[in-house]
Amino acid sequence: MILVFGGAYQGKLAYTLERFGLTRDDVYYCDEKNNALPENKKIIYEIDKWIFALVKANSNVDEVLGQFIKSNGEAVVICNDISCGVVPADPQLRAWREAVGRSMAQLSRTATEVVRLFCGIATGLK
């Protein structure tokens, strides 16, 4: 698995499509209303939205993410880094922010490669 992360609108999807020679047909677009396990696509885009759906459903994010990792070992996972900025006052949004941070750490541990994109510039971290 490869993890690509960075702030919103930094070029993560365009970078991933170009680097791996893939098309938008290869992308699973996560949705904050759908907590179904994303699979069978080469790119899992905005996994942070899927994590929000899990938080809203009161799912055990760490456990479900572990299942996801086992079944998507070859995927490129794209995640918005939501750890910067003001900590939300809303408890559910705070729980989501914390879950995304823990999930990025779990994905990073298991990933063969971790790339951070900032202003369209990719930096390999692992």
N, C-alpha and C. Protein backbone atom coordinates (compact mmCIF):
# COMPACT_ATOMS: atom_id res chain seq x y z
N MET A 1 0.83 -1.16 0.00
CA MET A 1 0.00 0.00 0.00
C MET A 1 0.89 1.24 0.00
N ILE A 2 0.39 2.27 -0.68
CA ILE A 2 1.08 3.55 -0.71
C ILE A 2 0.12 4.60 -0.16
N LEU A 3 0.61 5.44 0.73
CA LEU A 3 -0.19 6.52 1.30
C LEU A 3 0.28 7.84 0.73
N VAL A 4 -0.65 8.60 0.16
CA VAL A 4 -0.38 9.95 -0.34
C VAL A 4 -1.28 10.89 0.48
N PHE A 5 -0.67 11.85 1.14
CA PHE A 5 -1.47 12.77 1.96
C PHE A 5 -0.99 14.19 1.80
N GLY A 6 -1.84 15.10 2.22
CA GLY A 6 -1.53 16.52 2.17
C GLY A 6 -2.80 17.30 2.39
N GLY A 7 -2.69 18.60 2.41
CA GLY A 7 -3.86 19.45 2.61
C GLY A 7 -4.81 19.38 1.43
N ALA A 8 -5.98 19.95 1.62
CA ALA A 8 -6.97 19.97 0.55
C ALA A 8 -6.45 20.76 -0.65
N TYR A 9 -6.77 20.29 -1.82
CA TYR A 9 -6.47 21.00 -3.08
C TYR A 9 -4.97 21.19 -3.31
N GLN A 10 -4.18 20.22 -2.93
CA GLN A 10 -2.73 20.31 -3.12
C GLN A 10 -2.26 19.49 -4.32
N GLY A 11 -3.16 18.79 -5.01
CA GLY A 11 -2.80 18.04 -6.21
C GLY A 11 -2.55 16.56 -5.99
N LYS A 12 -3.09 16.02 -4.91
CA LYS A 12 -2.83 14.61 -4.57
C LYS A 12 -3.34 13.64 -5.63
N LEU A 13 -4.57 13.84 -6.08
CA LEU A 13 -5.13 12.92 -7.07
C LEU A 13 -4.42 13.05 -8.41
N ALA A 14 -4.19 14.27 -8.87
CA ALA A 14 -3.50 14.47 -10.15
C ALA A 14 -2.10 13.84 -10.11
N TYR A 15 -1.40 14.02 -9.02
CA TYR A 15 -0.07 13.42 -8.85
C TYR A 15 -0.15 11.90 -8.93
N THR A 16 -1.11 11.32 -8.22
CA THR A 16 -1.23 9.86 -8.18
C THR A 16 -1.60 9.30 -9.54
N LEU A 17 -2.55 9.92 -10.21
CA LEU A 17 -2.95 9.45 -11.55
C LEU A 17 -1.76 9.49 -12.51
N GLU A 18 -1.03 10.60 -12.49
CA GLU A 18 0.11 10.75 -13.40
C GLU A 18 1.24 9.79 -13.05
N ARG A 19 1.58 9.71 -11.79
CA ARG A 19 2.72 8.88 -11.39
C ARG A 19 2.51 7.40 -11.71
N PHE A 20 1.29 6.92 -11.52
CA PHE A 20 1.04 5.50 -11.71
C PHE A 20 0.36 5.18 -13.04
N GLY A 21 0.17 6.19 -13.88
CA GLY A 21 -0.42 5.97 -15.19
C GLY A 21 -1.85 5.43 -15.12
N LEU A 22 -2.63 5.94 -14.18
CA LEU A 22 -3.99 5.47 -13.98
C LEU A 22 -4.99 6.52 -14.46
N THR A 23 -6.27 6.13 -14.50
CA THR A 23 -7.34 7.05 -14.90
C THR A 23 -8.35 7.16 -13.78
N ARG A 24 -9.29 8.06 -13.94
CA ARG A 24 -10.33 8.26 -12.93
C ARG A 24 -11.21 7.01 -12.76
N ASP A 25 -11.21 6.12 -13.75
CA ASP A 25 -11.94 4.86 -13.61
C ASP A 25 -11.31 3.95 -12.56
N ASP A 26 -10.05 4.19 -12.23
CA ASP A 26 -9.33 3.39 -11.24
C ASP A 26 -9.54 3.90 -9.82
N VAL A 27 -10.36 4.95 -9.65
CA VAL A 27 -10.50 5.64 -8.37
C VAL A 27 -11.81 5.26 -7.67
N TYR A 28 -11.70 4.92 -6.38
CA TYR A 28 -12.87 4.80 -5.51
C TYR A 28 -12.98 6.12 -4.77
N TYR A 29 -14.10 6.82 -4.96
CA TYR A 29 -14.32 8.11 -4.32
C TYR A 29 -15.07 7.89 -3.01
N CYS A 30 -14.39 8.11 -1.90
CA CYS A 30 -15.02 7.92 -0.59
C CYS A 30 -16.08 8.99 -0.37
N ASP A 31 -17.05 8.64 0.44
CA ASP A 31 -18.19 9.50 0.70
C ASP A 31 -18.45 9.50 2.20
N GLU A 32 -18.63 10.66 2.78
CA GLU A 32 -18.84 10.75 4.23
C GLU A 32 -20.20 10.20 4.67
N LYS A 33 -21.03 9.80 3.72
CA LYS A 33 -22.33 9.20 4.05
C LYS A 33 -22.31 7.69 3.90
N ASN A 34 -21.22 7.13 3.36
CA ASN A 34 -21.15 5.70 3.07
C ASN A 34 -20.02 5.08 3.87
N ASN A 35 -20.34 4.21 4.83
CA ASN A 35 -19.29 3.59 5.64
C ASN A 35 -18.95 2.19 5.16
N ALA A 36 -19.38 1.83 3.93
CA ALA A 36 -19.02 0.54 3.36
C ALA A 36 -17.51 0.51 3.10
N LEU A 37 -16.93 -0.65 3.26
CA LEU A 37 -15.50 -0.82 3.10
C LEU A 37 -15.09 -0.59 1.64
N PRO A 38 -14.28 0.43 1.35
CA PRO A 38 -13.86 0.65 -0.04
C PRO A 38 -12.86 -0.42 -0.47
N GLU A 39 -13.07 -0.96 -1.66
CA GLU A 39 -12.14 -1.97 -2.18
C GLU A 39 -12.30 -2.09 -3.68
N ASN A 40 -11.46 -2.91 -4.26
CA ASN A 40 -11.49 -3.23 -5.69
C ASN A 40 -11.17 -2.06 -6.60
N LYS A 41 -10.47 -1.08 -6.11
CA LYS A 41 -9.99 0.01 -6.94
C LYS A 41 -8.52 0.21 -6.63
N LYS A 42 -7.77 0.75 -7.60
CA LYS A 42 -6.34 0.96 -7.41
C LYS A 42 -6.05 2.18 -6.55
N ILE A 43 -6.98 3.15 -6.58
CA ILE A 43 -6.82 4.37 -5.78
C ILE A 43 -8.04 4.52 -4.89
N ILE A 44 -7.81 4.74 -3.60
CA ILE A 44 -8.87 5.05 -2.64
C ILE A 44 -8.70 6.53 -2.31
N TYR A 45 -9.63 7.35 -2.80
CA TYR A 45 -9.49 8.80 -2.74
C TYR A 45 -10.28 9.40 -1.57
N GLU A 46 -9.62 10.24 -0.82
CA GLU A 46 -10.20 10.95 0.33
C GLU A 46 -10.75 9.98 1.38
N ILE A 47 -9.86 9.11 1.82
CA ILE A 47 -10.25 8.13 2.84
C ILE A 47 -10.70 8.82 4.13
N ASP A 48 -10.33 10.07 4.30
CA ASP A 48 -10.78 10.83 5.47
C ASP A 48 -12.30 10.96 5.48
N LYS A 49 -12.94 11.03 4.32
CA LYS A 49 -14.40 11.10 4.26
C LYS A 49 -15.02 9.77 4.70
N TRP A 50 -14.40 8.67 4.30
CA TRP A 50 -14.87 7.35 4.73
C TRP A 50 -14.75 7.22 6.25
N ILE A 51 -13.64 7.71 6.79
CA ILE A 51 -13.44 7.67 8.24
C ILE A 51 -14.52 8.49 8.95
N PHE A 52 -14.91 9.63 8.36
CA PHE A 52 -15.99 10.42 8.95
C PHE A 52 -17.30 9.62 8.98
N ALA A 53 -17.58 8.89 7.91
CA ALA A 53 -18.78 8.03 7.89
C ALA A 53 -18.71 6.98 8.99
N LEU A 54 -17.53 6.43 9.23
CA LEU A 54 -17.36 5.45 10.30
C LEU A 54 -17.59 6.08 11.67
N VAL A 55 -17.05 7.28 11.88
CA VAL A 55 -17.23 7.98 13.15
C VAL A 55 -18.71 8.27 13.38
N LYS A 56 -19.40 8.74 12.34
CA LYS A 56 -20.83 9.04 12.47
C LYS A 56 -21.64 7.79 12.78
N ALA A 57 -21.17 6.62 12.31
CA ALA A 57 -21.87 5.36 12.56
C ALA A 57 -21.43 4.70 13.87
N ASN A 58 -20.56 5.39 14.62
CA ASN A 58 -20.02 4.86 15.88
C ASN A 58 -19.29 3.54 15.70
N SER A 59 -18.63 3.38 14.56
CA SER A 59 -17.85 2.17 14.28
C SER A 59 -16.50 2.26 14.96
N ASN A 60 -15.88 1.12 15.19
CA ASN A 60 -14.52 1.07 15.70
C ASN A 60 -13.58 1.31 14.52
N VAL A 61 -13.14 2.54 14.36
CA VAL A 61 -12.37 2.93 13.18
C VAL A 61 -11.08 2.12 13.07
N ASP A 62 -10.37 1.92 14.18
CA ASP A 62 -9.11 1.17 14.13
C ASP A 62 -9.33 -0.25 13.62
N GLU A 63 -10.37 -0.89 14.10
CA GLU A 63 -10.67 -2.26 13.70
C GLU A 63 -11.08 -2.34 12.22
N VAL A 64 -11.97 -1.45 11.79
CA VAL A 64 -12.43 -1.46 10.41
C VAL A 64 -11.29 -1.10 9.46
N LEU A 65 -10.44 -0.16 9.87
CA LEU A 65 -9.29 0.20 9.05
C LEU A 65 -8.33 -0.98 8.91
N GLY A 66 -8.16 -1.74 9.98
CA GLY A 66 -7.32 -2.94 9.91
C GLY A 66 -7.84 -3.91 8.87
N GLN A 67 -9.16 -4.11 8.80
CA GLN A 67 -9.76 -4.97 7.78
C GLN A 67 -9.50 -4.39 6.39
N PHE A 68 -9.65 -3.08 6.27
CA PHE A 68 -9.40 -2.41 4.99
C PHE A 68 -7.98 -2.66 4.52
N ILE A 69 -7.01 -2.50 5.41
CA ILE A 69 -5.60 -2.67 5.05
C ILE A 69 -5.34 -4.09 4.56
N LYS A 70 -5.93 -5.08 5.23
CA LYS A 70 -5.73 -6.48 4.82
C LYS A 70 -6.27 -6.76 3.43
N SER A 71 -7.37 -6.11 3.06
CA SER A 71 -7.99 -6.41 1.77
C SER A 71 -7.58 -5.45 0.65
N ASN A 72 -6.77 -4.43 0.94
CA ASN A 72 -6.39 -3.44 -0.07
C ASN A 72 -4.89 -3.18 -0.07
N GLY A 73 -4.10 -4.22 0.08
CA GLY A 73 -2.66 -4.08 0.21
C GLY A 73 -1.95 -3.45 -0.97
N GLU A 74 -2.57 -3.48 -2.13
CA GLU A 74 -1.93 -2.93 -3.33
C GLU A 74 -2.44 -1.54 -3.70
N ALA A 75 -3.35 -0.99 -2.93
CA ALA A 75 -3.98 0.28 -3.28
C ALA A 75 -3.08 1.47 -2.97
N VAL A 76 -3.36 2.56 -3.65
CA VAL A 76 -2.81 3.86 -3.30
C VAL A 76 -3.92 4.59 -2.54
N VAL A 77 -3.66 4.95 -1.31
CA VAL A 77 -4.65 5.60 -0.45
C VAL A 77 -4.32 7.08 -0.38
N ILE A 78 -5.31 7.91 -0.68
CA ILE A 78 -5.13 9.36 -0.65
C ILE A 78 -5.96 9.90 0.52
N CYS A 79 -5.30 10.70 1.37
CA CYS A 79 -5.96 11.23 2.56
C CYS A 79 -5.68 12.72 2.70
N ASN A 80 -6.73 13.48 2.99
CA ASN A 80 -6.55 14.89 3.33
C ASN A 80 -6.02 14.97 4.75
N ASP A 81 -4.97 15.75 4.94
CA ASP A 81 -4.42 15.97 6.27
C ASP A 81 -5.26 17.05 6.93
N ILE A 82 -6.06 16.66 7.92
CA ILE A 82 -6.96 17.61 8.58
C ILE A 82 -6.44 17.97 9.98
N SER A 83 -5.17 17.69 10.22
CA SER A 83 -4.62 17.87 11.56
C SER A 83 -4.21 19.31 11.87
N CYS A 84 -4.14 20.15 10.87
CA CYS A 84 -3.73 21.54 11.10
C CYS A 84 -4.97 22.41 11.30
N GLY A 85 -4.78 23.54 11.87
CA GLY A 85 -5.87 24.47 12.03
C GLY A 85 -6.52 24.40 13.41
N VAL A 86 -7.67 25.00 13.51
CA VAL A 86 -8.40 25.11 14.76
C VAL A 86 -9.04 23.77 15.11
N VAL A 87 -8.91 23.36 16.36
CA VAL A 87 -9.56 22.13 16.83
C VAL A 87 -11.06 22.41 16.91
N PRO A 88 -11.86 21.55 16.27
CA PRO A 88 -13.31 21.80 16.25
C PRO A 88 -13.93 21.75 17.64
N ALA A 89 -14.92 22.59 17.87
CA ALA A 89 -15.66 22.58 19.14
C ALA A 89 -16.65 21.42 19.17
N ASP A 90 -17.15 21.02 18.00
CA ASP A 90 -18.12 19.93 17.91
C ASP A 90 -17.46 18.60 18.26
N PRO A 91 -18.02 17.86 19.22
CA PRO A 91 -17.40 16.60 19.65
C PRO A 91 -17.24 15.57 18.52
N GLN A 92 -18.22 15.50 17.63
CA GLN A 92 -18.12 14.53 16.53
C GLN A 92 -17.00 14.90 15.56
N LEU A 93 -16.86 16.18 15.27
CA LEU A 93 -15.79 16.62 14.37
C LEU A 93 -14.42 16.43 15.03
N ARG A 94 -14.35 16.63 16.35
CA ARG A 94 -13.10 16.36 17.07
C ARG A 94 -12.75 14.89 17.02
N ALA A 95 -13.75 14.03 17.22
CA ALA A 95 -13.53 12.58 17.16
C ALA A 95 -13.06 12.18 15.76
N TRP A 96 -13.63 12.80 14.73
CA TRP A 96 -13.22 12.52 13.35
C TRP A 96 -11.76 12.92 13.13
N ARG A 97 -11.41 14.12 13.58
CA ARG A 97 -10.03 14.60 13.42
C ARG A 97 -9.05 13.65 14.11
N GLU A 98 -9.38 13.21 15.30
CA GLU A 98 -8.51 12.28 16.02
C GLU A 98 -8.44 10.93 15.31
N ALA A 99 -9.57 10.46 14.79
CA ALA A 99 -9.60 9.18 14.08
C ALA A 99 -8.77 9.24 12.80
N VAL A 100 -8.82 10.36 12.10
CA VAL A 100 -8.02 10.50 10.88
C VAL A 100 -6.53 10.49 11.23
N GLY A 101 -6.15 11.16 12.30
CA GLY A 101 -4.75 11.15 12.73
C GLY A 101 -4.26 9.75 13.07
N ARG A 102 -5.05 9.01 13.85
CA ARG A 102 -4.67 7.63 14.20
C ARG A 102 -4.64 6.74 12.96
N SER A 103 -5.58 6.96 12.05
CA SER A 103 -5.64 6.16 10.83
C SER A 103 -4.44 6.43 9.93
N MET A 104 -4.04 7.69 9.81
CA MET A 104 -2.86 8.01 9.00
C MET A 104 -1.62 7.35 9.60
N ALA A 105 -1.52 7.33 10.92
CA ALA A 105 -0.39 6.66 11.57
C ALA A 105 -0.41 5.16 11.28
N GLN A 106 -1.60 4.55 11.36
CA GLN A 106 -1.72 3.12 11.09
C GLN A 106 -1.42 2.81 9.63
N LEU A 107 -1.92 3.62 8.72
CA LEU A 107 -1.63 3.43 7.30
C LEU A 107 -0.14 3.62 7.02
N SER A 108 0.48 4.60 7.65
CA SER A 108 1.91 4.86 7.44
C SER A 108 2.78 3.70 7.90
N ARG A 109 2.40 3.08 9.02
CA ARG A 109 3.17 1.94 9.52
C ARG A 109 3.15 0.77 8.54
N THR A 110 2.03 0.55 7.89
CA THR A 110 1.90 -0.61 7.01
C THR A 110 2.25 -0.30 5.56
N ALA A 111 2.30 0.97 5.19
CA ALA A 111 2.57 1.35 3.81
C ALA A 111 4.02 1.07 3.43
N THR A 112 4.21 0.72 2.18
CA THR A 112 5.57 0.55 1.65
C THR A 112 6.17 1.90 1.30
N GLU A 113 5.29 2.88 1.07
CA GLU A 113 5.74 4.22 0.69
C GLU A 113 4.74 5.23 1.23
N VAL A 114 5.25 6.37 1.72
CA VAL A 114 4.41 7.46 2.19
C VAL A 114 4.90 8.74 1.51
N VAL A 115 3.96 9.45 0.87
CA VAL A 115 4.29 10.67 0.13
C VAL A 115 3.43 11.80 0.64
N ARG A 116 4.06 12.94 0.91
CA ARG A 116 3.31 14.14 1.32
C ARG A 116 3.35 15.12 0.16
N LEU A 117 2.18 15.67 -0.18
CA LEU A 117 2.11 16.68 -1.22
C LEU A 117 1.81 18.03 -0.60
N PHE A 118 2.59 19.02 -0.97
CA PHE A 118 2.38 20.39 -0.51
C PHE A 118 2.63 21.30 -1.69
N CYS A 119 1.65 22.10 -2.05
CA CYS A 119 1.73 22.99 -3.22
C CYS A 119 2.11 22.23 -4.49
N GLY A 120 1.58 21.02 -4.61
CA GLY A 120 1.84 20.21 -5.79
C GLY A 120 3.20 19.54 -5.83
N ILE A 121 4.00 19.70 -4.78
CA ILE A 121 5.33 19.12 -4.74
C ILE A 121 5.30 17.89 -3.84
N ALA A 122 5.72 16.76 -4.38
CA ALA A 122 5.70 15.51 -3.63
C ALA A 122 7.02 15.34 -2.88
N THR A 123 6.90 14.94 -1.64
CA THR A 123 8.06 14.65 -0.81
C THR A 123 7.90 13.24 -0.24
N GLY A 124 8.84 12.37 -0.55
CA GLY A 124 8.79 11.01 -0.01
C GLY A 124 9.23 10.98 1.45
N LEU A 125 8.39 10.43 2.30
CA LEU A 125 8.70 10.34 3.73
C LEU A 125 9.14 8.93 4.10
N LYS A 126 8.71 7.97 3.31
CA LYS A 126 9.05 6.57 3.59
C LYS A 126 9.16 5.84 2.28
